[in-house]
Amino acid sequence: MISKRTYRAIYRLLDRVSPLDSDCGKLCGAACCTSAYEDGEEMGIFLLPGEEQLHSPQDDWLDWSEESSEDMGFPESWPEKVCFVHCKTPPHCPRKKRPIQCRTFPLAPYLNKKGELSLIYNDMDLPYRCPLIEEELPLNDDFVQATETVWKHLIRDERIYDMVKEDSEAWDESIAQLAELLGF
């Protein structure tokens, strides 16, 4: 399990980087921060195992709930309950407290068939348009490097590795289905 101290170090590393030199939220009206609902369902993110050590249901800027990991489709290795959070004050949150998945967006970890980590644009099933993804805008090298370093460390935790592996397999399956539809 990743310690509270390690999560703090990861947060500090990611505090020093940003996808662009400017506020990318100005390109899209902070779509990733303000898309609260999709088809009547609340949007937000799940905290990684152990990341809840840095947050609390009493945080005044977060709505917080615990959900069944099995019902949410998480790997069997995950704890029985997972923490789901949603920002109450989008797009204005305490930036130093943002969860990892907010800090590393628009990138997502991907494991190839050999188990090697790379980063891809996180474009699976988004309820909004992200210009960074759609236009494949060049991201700051320091952001990409820090994000890769963070995910390399995070996947040392078996539970996080299992999630990244399952997400990667789902992405591969989606690409294969698309290729089949297009006749490739």
Foldseek 3Di string as FASTA:
>chain_A
DDEPVNQLVLLVLLVVFDFDPDDLCVVFVPCVQPVQDDPRDGDFDWADVNLCVLDDCPPPQKPKDWDQCVVVVADPPDDRIIITIHGPDPPDDPSSSDGPVVSLPQWDWAQPPVRDIDIDGNPPPDPGDRCCRVVVPHTDPSSRVSNRVVVVVVVVPVRSVRRNHVVNVVVVVVVVVVCVVVPD
